[in-house]
Amino acid sequence: MKIADTMLLPRGSFKVLNAGKPLHDDDLQLVAAGLKEGAKLTIVINTGDAADSNPELEARLNAILGESATPLNMLRLRQSIQNYVDFMSLDDLERYAKKKGER
């Protein structure tokens, strides 16, 4: 698995450090990055700029996550939703749009 997929975080939202040195490509697989079994990594999360936030979306995510609404969990939830949308077929999207239109 790629580092971003393993961490369930959006690409570009974090940096991975190994022995204090950054791994420059979060799209690599852990093995391809030269890491060995038992390597200890440091993950530095970039929770984003306040200008990037959408207050309505943040409120809904807070409602879903409750007390677990930490910046890390918010990023992971966003990535999970993005993964779900990325794997939807055109038929799935049409069904969703149709249901949304019926409301």
Protein backbone atom coordinates (compact mmCIF):
# COMPACT_ATOMS: atom_id res chain seq x y z
CA MET A 1 0.00 0.00 0.00
CA LYS A 2 1.05 3.57 -0.54
CA ILE A 3 1.92 5.69 2.48
CA ALA A 4 -1.11 7.97 2.10
CA ASP A 5 -3.43 4.96 1.80
CA THR A 6 -1.83 3.22 4.77
CA MET A 7 -2.32 6.31 6.94
CA LEU A 8 -5.80 6.98 5.48
CA LEU A 9 -4.91 10.62 4.99
CA PRO A 10 -5.23 12.86 1.94
CA ARG A 11 -2.02 13.20 -0.04
CA GLY A 12 -0.24 16.40 0.84
CA SER A 13 -1.86 16.66 4.29
CA PHE A 14 1.10 15.15 6.12
CA LYS A 15 4.83 14.57 6.10
CA VAL A 16 6.54 11.33 7.04
CA LEU A 17 9.87 11.50 8.83
CA ASN A 18 12.25 8.57 9.19
CA ALA A 19 15.21 9.17 11.51
CA GLY A 20 14.40 12.89 11.39
CA LYS A 21 14.57 13.06 7.60
CA PRO A 22 11.45 13.57 5.49
CA LEU A 23 10.32 11.00 2.96
CA HIS A 24 9.66 13.26 0.01
CA ASP A 25 6.95 11.26 -1.74
CA ASP A 26 3.82 10.25 0.19
CA ASP A 27 2.71 8.42 -2.95
CA LEU A 28 5.45 5.80 -2.48
CA GLN A 29 4.95 2.42 -0.93
CA LEU A 30 6.63 1.99 2.45
CA VAL A 31 9.00 -0.67 1.10
CA ALA A 32 9.92 1.49 -1.91
CA ALA A 33 10.82 4.31 0.48
CA GLY A 34 13.62 2.12 1.83
CA LEU A 35 11.98 1.40 5.17
CA LYS A 36 12.73 -1.82 6.95
CA GLU A 37 10.59 -3.90 9.30
CA GLY A 38 10.37 -2.18 12.67
CA ALA A 39 11.29 1.29 11.37
CA LYS A 40 9.83 4.05 13.52
CA LEU A 41 8.20 6.88 11.64
CA THR A 42 7.05 10.31 12.70
CA ILE A 43 3.94 11.64 10.98
CA VAL A 44 3.50 15.42 10.92
CA ILE A 45 -0.10 16.37 10.13
CA ASN A 46 -0.93 19.60 8.31
CA THR A 47 -4.49 20.30 9.40
CA GLY A 48 -4.87 22.98 6.76
CA ASP A 49 -5.37 26.68 6.65
CA ALA A 50 -8.47 28.23 8.21
CA ALA A 51 -9.10 29.88 4.82
CA ASP A 52 -9.52 26.39 3.31
CA SER A 53 -12.25 25.40 5.73
CA ASN A 54 -15.95 25.30 4.97
CA PRO A 55 -17.91 26.14 8.15
CA GLU A 56 -20.97 24.10 7.11
CA LEU A 57 -18.85 21.05 6.29
CA GLU A 58 -16.88 21.43 9.54
CA ALA A 59 -20.14 21.58 11.53
CA ARG A 60 -21.46 18.43 9.85
CA LEU A 61 -18.20 16.57 10.42
CA ASN A 62 -18.22 17.66 14.07
CA ALA A 63 -21.77 16.31 14.37
CA ILE A 64 -20.72 12.97 12.88
CA LEU A 65 -17.52 12.58 14.88
CA GLY A 66 -18.66 14.15 18.17
CA GLU A 67 -15.87 14.07 20.76
CA SER A 68 -13.62 12.32 18.24
CA ALA A 69 -13.55 15.43 16.01
CA THR A 70 -9.79 15.88 16.23
CA PRO A 71 -7.99 17.35 13.21
CA LEU A 72 -6.52 13.92 12.45
CA ASN A 73 -9.91 12.18 12.54
CA MET A 74 -11.46 14.97 10.46
CA LEU A 75 -8.79 14.41 7.78
CA ARG A 76 -9.34 10.66 7.89
CA LEU A 77 -13.12 11.03 7.55
CA ARG A 78 -12.68 13.36 4.59
CA GLN A 79 -10.31 10.86 2.96
CA SER A 80 -12.74 7.99 3.57
CA ILE A 81 -15.55 9.96 1.94
CA GLN A 82 -13.27 10.87 -0.98
CA ASN A 83 -12.27 7.22 -1.42
CA TYR A 84 -15.96 6.22 -1.48
CA VAL A 85 -16.79 8.85 -4.10
CA ASP A 86 -13.74 7.95 -6.21
CA PHE A 87 -14.90 4.34 -6.49
CA MET A 88 -18.53 5.09 -7.33
CA SER A 89 -19.61 4.01 -10.79
CA LEU A 90 -21.58 6.27 -13.12
CA ASP A 91 -24.68 4.22 -12.28
CA ASP A 92 -24.08 4.86 -8.57
CA LEU A 93 -23.74 8.58 -9.23
CA GLU A 94 -26.93 8.64 -11.30
CA ARG A 95 -28.87 6.80 -8.57
CA TYR A 96 -27.54 9.21 -5.96
CA ALA A 97 -28.46 12.26 -8.06
CA LYS A 98 -31.92 10.83 -8.68
CA LYS A 99 -32.54 10.21 -4.97
CA LYS A 100 -31.22 13.67 -4.14
CA GLY A 101 -33.62 15.19 -6.72
CA GLU A 102 -36.62 13.38 -5.20
CA ARG A 103 -36.18 15.08 -1.84
